[in-house]
Amino acid sequence: MKKPQRQARQVTDATNPQISGEITESEIERQVVSAIAALKRRATKRTLDGMARFAIPADRAFGVTVADIRLLAKRLGRDHALAGALWKSGWYEARMLAAFVAEPAKLTAAEMDRWCRDFDNWAICDTVCFHLFDRTPLAWKKLAPWSKRKPEFEKRAAFALLWGLSVHDKEGPDASFIAGLRLVEAAANDDRNFVKKAVNMALRAVGKRNAALHGAAIATGQSLTESANPTARWTGKGALRELKSASVARRLAAGKRTK
């Protein structure tokens, strides 16, 4: 009876962020088992059923809220090896959890590409881009190549990432964001729902960063409204409505970045 008790304690301890030092592959596997068990305990049928309303596939999901996933991530702490193993599990909530426990400084370009290829819904794409990928200096190098990808959520990742960078990269130069606006204009004729929405939001986000980029985004939006392509016109008109609003003008005049 003592041996099973000792093993159970090891599984529990694997989720304790206070534990430090090198861990073996088998220990990481135990951490994954423990984390997935914790996710399952937080799952509800109501949450699972509600995912369909937000176009999130439920066939590889438990039904856990983002708030509960973040609480578990806080308990686990940053652990890049665990994040990679959680991602490989393929479960929706495990991959969401991976976005919050992975360590941005340890991300490699190849790893970012692998995760991007796995994106199969907007929630995973946006969460990874907003809470992980945009916190690494490698992010800027991914915008152009990802913007040319064919799969819907891989291409969306380029613009979700640009959107995230506009908020979180406080030191990013205007020139980098202007280059991002050129990618926006090039992709604005893609009429797929989850691409065009991300393109639209990236244009708005860049335009709300500061006064100089506001002018550049206005010019991009205006150019899109004159396009022969209906999706490009939709993107331009939608962005201009917000960028030309009084609320955006007030905050930029006060030197505040709008959300």
C-alpha atoms as a PDB file:
ATOM      1  CA  MET A   1       0.000   0.000   0.000  1.00  0.00           C
ATOM      2  CA  LYS A   2       2.882   2.382   0.635  1.00  0.00           C
ATOM      3  CA  LYS A   3       4.212   2.304  -2.936  1.00  0.00           C
ATOM      4  CA  PRO A   4       0.986   3.565  -4.590  1.00  0.00           C
ATOM      5  CA  GLN A   5       0.814   6.365  -1.992  1.00  0.00           C
ATOM      6  CA  ARG A   6       4.344   7.451  -2.836  1.00  0.00           C
ATOM      7  CA  GLN A   7       3.533   7.467  -6.568  1.00  0.00           C
ATOM      8  CA  ALA A   8       0.381   9.513  -6.008  1.00  0.00           C
ATOM      9  CA  ARG A   9       2.389  12.072  -4.069  1.00  0.00           C
ATOM     10  CA  GLN A  10       4.846  12.358  -6.943  1.00  0.00           C
ATOM     11  CA  VAL A  11       2.028  13.124  -9.388  1.00  0.00           C
ATOM     12  CA  THR A  12       0.676  15.805  -7.067  1.00  0.00           C
ATOM     13  CA  ASP A  13       4.121  17.268  -6.470  1.00  0.00           C
ATOM     14  CA  ALA A  14       4.644  17.489 -10.227  1.00  0.00           C
ATOM     15  CA  THR A  15       2.194  20.381 -10.315  1.00  0.00           C
ATOM     16  CA  ASN A  16       3.906  22.246  -7.484  1.00  0.00           C
ATOM     17  CA  PRO A  17       5.735  25.314  -8.854  1.00  0.00           C
ATOM     18  CA  GLN A  18       8.030  25.282  -5.825  1.00  0.00           C
ATOM     19  CA  ILE A  19       9.835  22.174  -7.068  1.00  0.00           C
ATOM     20  CA  SER A  20      13.027  23.018  -8.928  1.00  0.00           C
ATOM     21  CA  GLY A  21      15.884  21.227 -10.636  1.00  0.00           C
ATOM     22  CA  GLU A  22      16.219  18.931 -13.608  1.00  0.00           C
ATOM     23  CA  ILE A  23      13.270  16.681 -14.332  1.00  0.00           C
ATOM     24  CA  THR A  24      13.144  13.517 -16.366  1.00  0.00           C
ATOM     25  CA  GLU A  25      10.845  12.720 -19.268  1.00  0.00           C
ATOM     26  CA  SER A  26       8.815  10.400 -17.064  1.00  0.00           C
ATOM     27  CA  GLU A  27       8.368  13.172 -14.501  1.00  0.00           C
ATOM     28  CA  ILE A  28       7.133  15.522 -17.223  1.00  0.00           C
ATOM     29  CA  GLU A  29       4.670  12.833 -18.291  1.00  0.00           C
ATOM     30  CA  ARG A  30       3.396  12.639 -14.723  1.00  0.00           C
ATOM     31  CA  GLN A  31       3.023  16.405 -14.655  1.00  0.00           C
ATOM     32  CA  VAL A  32       0.955  16.255 -17.830  1.00  0.00           C
ATOM     33  CA  VAL A  33      -1.271  13.518 -16.406  1.00  0.00           C
ATOM     34  CA  SER A  34      -1.755  15.543 -13.241  1.00  0.00           C
ATOM     35  CA  ALA A  35      -2.472  18.779 -15.113  1.00  0.00           C
ATOM     36  CA  ILE A  36      -4.986  17.126 -17.434  1.00  0.00           C
ATOM     37  CA  ALA A  37      -6.691  15.506 -14.448  1.00  0.00           C
ATOM     38  CA  ALA A  38      -6.923  18.945 -12.838  1.00  0.00           C
ATOM     39  CA  LEU A  39      -8.466  20.342 -16.009  1.00  0.00           C
ATOM     40  CA  LYS A  40     -11.019  17.550 -16.156  1.00  0.00           C
ATOM     41  CA  ARG A  41     -12.066  18.254 -12.576  1.00  0.00           C
ATOM     42  CA  ARG A  42     -12.841  21.823 -13.594  1.00  0.00           C
ATOM     43  CA  ALA A  43     -14.820  20.852 -16.703  1.00  0.00           C
ATOM     44  CA  THR A  44     -18.557  21.366 -17.050  1.00  0.00           C
ATOM     45  CA  LYS A  45     -20.994  20.242 -19.699  1.00  0.00           C
ATOM     46  CA  ARG A  46     -22.355  23.780 -19.914  1.00  0.00           C
ATOM     47  CA  THR A  47     -18.944  25.144 -20.865  1.00  0.00           C
ATOM     48  CA  LEU A  48     -18.364  22.353 -23.365  1.00  0.00           C
ATOM     49  CA  ASP A  49     -21.762  22.857 -24.985  1.00  0.00           C
ATOM     50  CA  GLY A  50     -21.166  26.607 -25.162  1.00  0.00           C
ATOM     51  CA  MET A  51     -17.944  26.265 -27.110  1.00  0.00           C
ATOM     52  CA  ALA A  52     -19.832  25.550 -30.318  1.00  0.00           C
ATOM     53  CA  ARG A  53     -21.432  29.000 -30.164  1.00  0.00           C
ATOM     54  CA  PHE A  54     -17.960  30.508 -30.372  1.00  0.00           C
ATOM     55  CA  ALA A  55     -16.763  28.263 -33.219  1.00  0.00           C
ATOM     56  CA  ILE A  56     -14.406  26.298 -30.966  1.00  0.00           C
ATOM     57  CA  PRO A  57     -14.245  22.560 -31.795  1.00  0.00           C
ATOM     58  CA  ALA A  58     -15.347  20.456 -28.835  1.00  0.00           C
ATOM     59  CA  ASP A  59     -14.214  17.026 -30.016  1.00  0.00           C
ATOM     60  CA  ARG A  60     -10.841  17.387 -28.246  1.00  0.00           C
ATOM     61  CA  ALA A  61     -11.993  19.492 -25.324  1.00  0.00           C
ATOM     62  CA  PHE A  62     -13.205  18.996 -21.757  1.00  0.00           C
ATOM     63  CA  GLY A  63     -15.214  22.169 -21.208  1.00  0.00           C
ATOM     64  CA  VAL A  64     -13.056  24.350 -18.940  1.00  0.00           C
ATOM     65  CA  THR A  65     -13.331  28.126 -18.752  1.00  0.00           C
ATOM     66  CA  VAL A  66     -10.343  30.318 -19.577  1.00  0.00           C
ATOM     67  CA  ALA A  67     -10.525  31.740 -16.050  1.00  0.00           C
ATOM     68  CA  ASP A  68     -10.037  28.269 -14.565  1.00  0.00           C
ATOM     69  CA  ILE A  69      -7.238  27.494 -17.004  1.00  0.00           C
ATOM     70  CA  ARG A  70      -5.431  30.646 -15.939  1.00  0.00           C
ATOM     71  CA  LEU A  71      -5.863  29.802 -12.256  1.00  0.00           C
ATOM     72  CA  LEU A  72      -4.260  26.418 -12.867  1.00  0.00           C
ATOM     73  CA  ALA A  73      -1.463  28.063 -14.866  1.00  0.00           C
ATOM     74  CA  LYS A  74      -0.748  30.386 -11.954  1.00  0.00           C
ATOM     75  CA  ARG A  75      -0.490  27.389  -9.651  1.00  0.00           C
ATOM     76  CA  LEU A  76       1.875  25.585 -11.999  1.00  0.00           C
ATOM     77  CA  GLY A  77       4.130  28.524 -12.774  1.00  0.00           C
ATOM     78  CA  ARG A  78       6.321  28.861 -15.845  1.00  0.00           C
ATOM     79  CA  ASP A  79       7.663  25.534 -17.089  1.00  0.00           C
ATOM     80  CA  HIS A  80       8.669  25.313 -20.736  1.00  0.00           C
ATOM     81  CA  ALA A  81       9.176  21.557 -20.817  1.00  0.00           C
ATOM     82  CA  LEU A  82       5.728  21.023 -19.353  1.00  0.00           C
ATOM     83  CA  ALA A  83       4.228  23.453 -21.866  1.00  0.00           C
ATOM     84  CA  GLY A  84       5.669  21.501 -24.767  1.00  0.00           C
ATOM     85  CA  ALA A  85       4.316  18.235 -23.412  1.00  0.00           C
ATOM     86  CA  LEU A  86       0.891  19.741 -22.771  1.00  0.00           C
ATOM     87  CA  TRP A  87       0.813  21.018 -26.337  1.00  0.00           C
ATOM     88  CA  LYS A  88       1.636  17.591 -27.730  1.00  0.00           C
ATOM     89  CA  SER A  89      -1.329  16.089 -25.874  1.00  0.00           C
ATOM     90  CA  GLY A  90      -3.630  17.733 -28.426  1.00  0.00           C
ATOM     91  CA  TRP A  91      -6.333  18.638 -25.908  1.00  0.00           C
ATOM     92  CA  TYR A  92      -7.806  22.110 -26.338  1.00  0.00           C
ATOM     93  CA  GLU A  93      -7.518  23.139 -22.690  1.00  0.00           C
ATOM     94  CA  ALA A  94      -4.058  21.597 -22.363  1.00  0.00           C
ATOM     95  CA  ARG A  95      -2.883  23.728 -25.257  1.00  0.00           C
ATOM     96  CA  MET A  96      -4.490  26.802 -23.744  1.00  0.00           C
ATOM     97  CA  LEU A  97      -2.680  26.000 -20.500  1.00  0.00           C
ATOM     98  CA  ALA A  98       0.577  25.592 -22.431  1.00  0.00           C
ATOM     99  CA  ALA A  99       0.285  29.180 -23.656  1.00  0.00           C
ATOM    100  CA  PHE A 100       0.305  30.428 -20.062  1.00  0.00           C
ATOM    101  CA  VAL A 101       3.069  28.203 -18.654  1.00  0.00           C
ATOM    102  CA  ALA A 102       5.531  28.305 -21.551  1.00  0.00           C
ATOM    103  CA  GLU A 103       8.571  30.544 -21.169  1.00  0.00           C
ATOM    104  CA  PRO A 104       8.858  33.163 -23.945  1.00  0.00           C
ATOM    105  CA  ALA A 105      12.644  33.388 -23.624  1.00  0.00           C
ATOM    106  CA  LYS A 106      12.978  29.671 -24.348  1.00  0.00           C
ATOM    107  CA  LEU A 107      10.826  29.617 -27.467  1.00  0.00           C
ATOM    108  CA  THR A 108      12.642  28.729 -30.668  1.00  0.00           C
ATOM    109  CA  ALA A 109      11.621  29.744 -34.166  1.00  0.00           C
ATOM    110  CA  ALA A 110      11.013  26.100 -35.072  1.00  0.00           C
ATOM    111  CA  GLU A 111       8.799  25.613 -32.036  1.00  0.00           C
ATOM    112  CA  MET A 112       6.722  28.668 -32.930  1.00  0.00           C
ATOM    113  CA  ASP A 113       6.264  27.297 -36.443  1.00  0.00           C
ATOM    114  CA  ARG A 114       5.202  23.892 -35.128  1.00  0.00           C
ATOM    115  CA  TRP A 115       2.604  25.367 -32.817  1.00  0.00           C
ATOM    116  CA  CYS A 116       1.348  27.673 -35.556  1.00  0.00           C
ATOM    117  CA  ARG A 117       0.811  24.693 -37.861  1.00  0.00           C
ATOM    118  CA  ASP A 118      -1.338  23.126 -35.143  1.00  0.00           C
ATOM    119  CA  PHE A 119      -3.682  26.101 -34.820  1.00  0.00           C
ATOM    120  CA  ASP A 120      -7.175  24.848 -35.606  1.00  0.00           C
ATOM    121  CA  ASN A 121      -9.383  27.515 -34.035  1.00  0.00           C
ATOM    122  CA  TRP A 122      -9.284  31.224 -33.298  1.00  0.00           C
ATOM    123  CA  ALA A 123      -9.160  30.844 -29.498  1.00  0.00           C
ATOM    124  CA  ILE A 124      -5.963  28.806 -29.466  1.00  0.00           C
ATOM    125  CA  CYS A 125      -4.405  31.039 -32.131  1.00  0.00           C
ATOM    126  CA  ASP A 126      -5.192  34.282 -30.335  1.00  0.00           C
ATOM    127  CA  THR A 127      -4.329  33.061 -26.849  1.00  0.00           C
ATOM    128  CA  VAL A 128      -0.911  31.809 -27.923  1.00  0.00           C
ATOM    129  CA  CYS A 129      -0.198  34.963 -29.932  1.00  0.00           C
ATOM    130  CA  PHE A 130      -1.440  37.395 -27.254  1.00  0.00           C
ATOM    131  CA  HIS A 131       0.053  35.709 -24.194  1.00  0.00           C
ATOM    132  CA  LEU A 132       3.202  34.023 -25.445  1.00  0.00           C
ATOM    133  CA  PHE A 133       4.420  34.625 -28.983  1.00  0.00           C
ATOM    134  CA  ASP A 134       4.247  38.421 -28.771  1.00  0.00           C
ATOM    135  CA  ARG A 135       6.574  38.369 -25.776  1.00  0.00           C
ATOM    136  CA  THR A 136       9.542  37.002 -27.691  1.00  0.00           C
ATOM    137  CA  PRO A 137      11.847  39.007 -29.993  1.00  0.00           C
ATOM    138  CA  LEU A 138      11.328  36.259 -32.583  1.00  0.00           C
ATOM    139  CA  ALA A 139       7.766  37.483 -33.091  1.00  0.00           C
ATOM    140  CA  TRP A 140       8.608  40.169 -35.626  1.00  0.00           C
ATOM    141  CA  LYS A 141      10.349  37.647 -37.877  1.00  0.00           C
ATOM    142  CA  LYS A 142       7.190  35.542 -38.073  1.00  0.00           C
ATOM    143  CA  LEU A 143       4.785  38.197 -39.326  1.00  0.00           C
ATOM    144  CA  ALA A 144       5.712  38.224 -43.008  1.00  0.00           C
ATOM    145  CA  PRO A 145       6.053  34.465 -43.586  1.00  0.00           C
ATOM    146  CA  TRP A 146       2.928  33.611 -41.603  1.00  0.00           C
ATOM    147  CA  SER A 147       0.925  36.269 -43.454  1.00  0.00           C
ATOM    148  CA  LYS A 148       1.529  34.286 -46.642  1.00  0.00           C
ATOM    149  CA  ARG A 149       0.426  30.932 -45.266  1.00  0.00           C
ATOM    150  CA  LYS A 150      -2.595  29.249 -46.819  1.00  0.00           C
ATOM    151  CA  PRO A 151      -4.371  27.592 -43.826  1.00  0.00           C
ATOM    152  CA  GLU A 152      -6.891  29.960 -42.257  1.00  0.00           C
ATOM    153  CA  PHE A 153      -5.671  29.935 -38.658  1.00  0.00           C
ATOM    154  CA  GLU A 154      -1.993  29.937 -39.570  1.00  0.00           C
ATOM    155  CA  LYS A 155      -2.544  33.079 -41.614  1.00  0.00           C
ATOM    156  CA  ARG A 156      -4.687  34.561 -38.858  1.00  0.00           C
ATOM    157  CA  ALA A 157      -1.714  34.073 -36.518  1.00  0.00           C
ATOM    158  CA  ALA A 158       0.290  36.738 -38.365  1.00  0.00           C
ATOM    159  CA  PHE A 159      -2.342  39.375 -37.697  1.00  0.00           C
ATOM    160  CA  ALA A 160      -3.223  38.216 -34.196  1.00  0.00           C
ATOM    161  CA  LEU A 161       0.491  38.517 -33.480  1.00  0.00           C
ATOM    162  CA  LEU A 162       0.683  42.018 -34.973  1.00  0.00           C
ATOM    163  CA  TRP A 163      -2.346  42.952 -32.898  1.00  0.00           C
ATOM    164  CA  GLY A 164      -0.677  41.606 -29.744  1.00  0.00           C
ATOM    165  CA  LEU A 165       2.624  43.329 -30.485  1.00  0.00           C
ATOM    166  CA  SER A 166       0.857  46.662 -30.871  1.00  0.00           C
ATOM    167  CA  VAL A 167      -0.269  46.329 -27.260  1.00  0.00           C
ATOM    168  CA  HIS A 168       2.618  44.578 -25.549  1.00  0.00           C
ATOM    169  CA  ASP A 169       5.816  45.543 -27.367  1.00  0.00           C
ATOM    170  CA  LYS A 170       6.372  48.896 -25.710  1.00  0.00           C
ATOM    171  CA  GLU A 171       9.727  49.438 -27.425  1.00  0.00           C
ATOM    172  CA  GLY A 172       8.712  48.357 -30.924  1.00  0.00           C
ATOM    173  CA  PRO A 173       9.685  51.015 -33.495  1.00  0.00           C
ATOM    174  CA  ASP A 174       7.040  52.658 -35.665  1.00  0.00           C
ATOM    175  CA  ALA A 175       8.841  51.388 -38.763  1.00  0.00           C
ATOM    176  CA  SER A 176       8.119  47.798 -37.763  1.00  0.00           C
ATOM    177  CA  PHE A 177       4.422  48.542 -37.369  1.00  0.00           C
ATOM    178  CA  ILE A 178       4.296  50.382 -40.681  1.00  0.00           C
ATOM    179  CA  ALA A 179       5.766  47.273 -42.285  1.00  0.00           C
ATOM    180  CA  GLY A 180       2.955  45.402 -40.551  1.00  0.00           C
ATOM    181  CA  LEU A 181       0.420  47.711 -42.180  1.00  0.00           C
ATOM    182  CA  ARG A 182       1.782  46.694 -45.575  1.00  0.00           C
ATOM    183  CA  LEU A 183       1.050  43.076 -44.649  1.00  0.00           C
ATOM    184  CA  VAL A 184      -2.462  44.133 -43.642  1.00  0.00           C
ATOM    185  CA  GLU A 185      -3.040  45.737 -47.014  1.00  0.00           C
ATOM    186  CA  ALA A 186      -1.689  42.703 -48.857  1.00  0.00           C
ATOM    187  CA  ALA A 187      -3.979  40.306 -46.955  1.00  0.00           C
ATOM    188  CA  ALA A 188      -7.091  42.468 -46.879  1.00  0.00           C
ATOM    189  CA  ASN A 189      -8.727  40.663 -49.817  1.00  0.00           C
ATOM    190  CA  ASP A 190      -8.851  37.319 -47.970  1.00  0.00           C
ATOM    191  CA  ASP A 191     -12.560  36.812 -47.331  1.00  0.00           C
ATOM    192  CA  ARG A 192     -12.251  33.921 -44.876  1.00  0.00           C
ATOM    193  CA  ASN A 193     -13.985  34.896 -41.663  1.00  0.00           C
ATOM    194  CA  PHE A 194     -11.172  34.340 -39.192  1.00  0.00           C
ATOM    195  CA  VAL A 195      -8.555  35.911 -41.422  1.00  0.00           C
ATOM    196  CA  LYS A 196     -10.450  39.062 -42.325  1.00  0.00           C
ATOM    197  CA  LYS A 197     -11.447  39.705 -38.711  1.00  0.00           C
ATOM    198  CA  ALA A 198      -7.836  39.454 -37.545  1.00  0.00           C
ATOM    199  CA  VAL A 199      -6.641  41.687 -40.390  1.00  0.00           C
ATOM    200  CA  ASN A 200      -9.273  44.248 -39.420  1.00  0.00           C
ATOM    201  CA  MET A 201      -8.338  44.170 -35.732  1.00  0.00           C
ATOM    202  CA  ALA A 202      -4.621  44.406 -36.479  1.00  0.00           C
ATOM    203  CA  LEU A 203      -5.221  47.537 -38.556  1.00  0.00           C
ATOM    204  CA  ARG A 204      -7.229  49.102 -35.742  1.00  0.00           C
ATOM    205  CA  ALA A 205      -4.704  48.126 -33.069  1.00  0.00           C
ATOM    206  CA  VAL A 206      -1.721  49.581 -34.921  1.00  0.00           C
ATOM    207  CA  GLY A 207      -3.665  52.778 -35.564  1.00  0.00           C
ATOM    208  CA  LYS A 208      -4.381  53.220 -31.876  1.00  0.00           C
ATOM    209  CA  ARG A 209      -0.773  52.832 -30.763  1.00  0.00           C
ATOM    210  CA  ASN A 210       0.303  56.455 -31.203  1.00  0.00           C
ATOM    211  CA  ALA A 211      -0.428  59.552 -33.281  1.00  0.00           C
ATOM    212  CA  ALA A 212       2.089  58.767 -36.023  1.00  0.00           C
ATOM    213  CA  LEU A 213       0.815  55.234 -36.529  1.00  0.00           C
ATOM    214  CA  HIS A 214      -2.730  56.511 -36.334  1.00  0.00           C
ATOM    215  CA  GLY A 215      -2.085  58.581 -39.441  1.00  0.00           C
ATOM    216  CA  ALA A 216      -0.457  55.651 -41.227  1.00  0.00           C
ATOM    217  CA  ALA A 217      -3.350  53.342 -40.355  1.00  0.00           C
ATOM    218  CA  ILE A 218      -5.892  55.926 -41.518  1.00  0.00           C
ATOM    219  CA  ALA A 219      -4.076  56.081 -44.857  1.00  0.00           C
ATOM    220  CA  THR A 220      -4.104  52.279 -45.126  1.00  0.00           C
ATOM    221  CA  GLY A 221      -7.781  52.131 -44.245  1.00  0.00           C
ATOM    222  CA  GLN A 222      -8.621  54.804 -46.788  1.00  0.00           C
ATOM    223  CA  SER A 223      -6.716  52.945 -49.473  1.00  0.00           C
ATOM    224  CA  LEU A 224      -8.657  49.784 -48.682  1.00  0.00           C
ATOM    225  CA  THR A 225     -12.004  51.555 -48.962  1.00  0.00           C
ATOM    226  CA  GLU A 226     -11.109  52.398 -52.575  1.00  0.00           C
ATOM    227  CA  SER A 227     -10.301  48.783 -53.437  1.00  0.00           C
ATOM    228  CA  ALA A 228     -12.304  46.819 -55.999  1.00  0.00           C
ATOM    229  CA  ASN A 229     -12.337  43.912 -53.552  1.00  0.00           C
ATOM    230  CA  PRO A 230     -15.390  43.872 -51.223  1.00  0.00           C
ATOM    231  CA  THR A 231     -13.517  42.276 -48.314  1.00  0.00           C
ATOM    232  CA  ALA A 232     -10.790  44.906 -48.472  1.00  0.00           C
ATOM    233  CA  ARG A 233     -13.445  47.634 -48.515  1.00  0.00           C
ATOM    234  CA  TRP A 234     -15.160  46.044 -45.500  1.00  0.00           C
ATOM    235  CA  THR A 235     -11.867  46.006 -43.604  1.00  0.00           C
ATOM    236  CA  GLY A 236     -11.045  49.605 -44.455  1.00  0.00           C
ATOM    237  CA  LYS A 237     -14.486  50.978 -43.608  1.00  0.00           C
ATOM    238  CA  GLY A 238     -14.698  49.093 -40.336  1.00  0.00           C
ATOM    239  CA  ALA A 239     -11.281  50.248 -39.193  1.00  0.00           C
ATOM    240  CA  LEU A 240     -11.874  53.862 -40.174  1.00  0.00           C
ATOM    241  CA  ARG A 241     -15.087  54.044 -38.166  1.00  0.00           C
ATOM    242  CA  GLU A 242     -13.138  53.363 -35.007  1.00  0.00           C
ATOM    243  CA  LEU A 243      -9.910  55.144 -35.872  1.00  0.00           C
ATOM    244  CA  LYS A 244     -11.766  58.343 -36.729  1.00  0.00           C
ATOM    245  CA  SER A 245     -13.919  58.204 -33.602  1.00  0.00           C
ATOM    246  CA  ALA A 246     -13.839  60.961 -31.005  1.00  0.00           C
ATOM    247  CA  SER A 247     -12.812  58.550 -28.257  1.00  0.00           C
ATOM    248  CA  VAL A 248      -9.677  57.469 -30.126  1.00  0.00           C
ATOM    249  CA  ALA A 249      -8.825  61.078 -30.957  1.00  0.00           C
ATOM    250  CA  ARG A 250      -9.129  62.133 -27.316  1.00  0.00           C
ATOM    251  CA  ARG A 251      -6.900  59.389 -26.011  1.00  0.00           C
ATOM    252  CA  LEU A 252      -4.235  59.936 -28.648  1.00  0.00           C
ATOM    253  CA  ALA A 253      -4.280  63.677 -27.957  1.00  0.00           C
ATOM    254  CA  ALA A 254      -3.703  62.902 -24.299  1.00  0.00           C
ATOM    255  CA  GLY A 255      -0.770  60.676 -25.211  1.00  0.00           C
ATOM    256  CA  LYS A 256      -2.561  57.519 -24.100  1.00  0.00           C
ATOM    257  CA  ARG A 257      -2.628  54.334 -26.086  1.00  0.00           C
ATOM    258  CA  THR A 258      -6.162  53.077 -26.635  1.00  0.00           C
ATOM    259  CA  LYS A 259      -7.038  49.441 -26.069  1.00  0.00           C
END
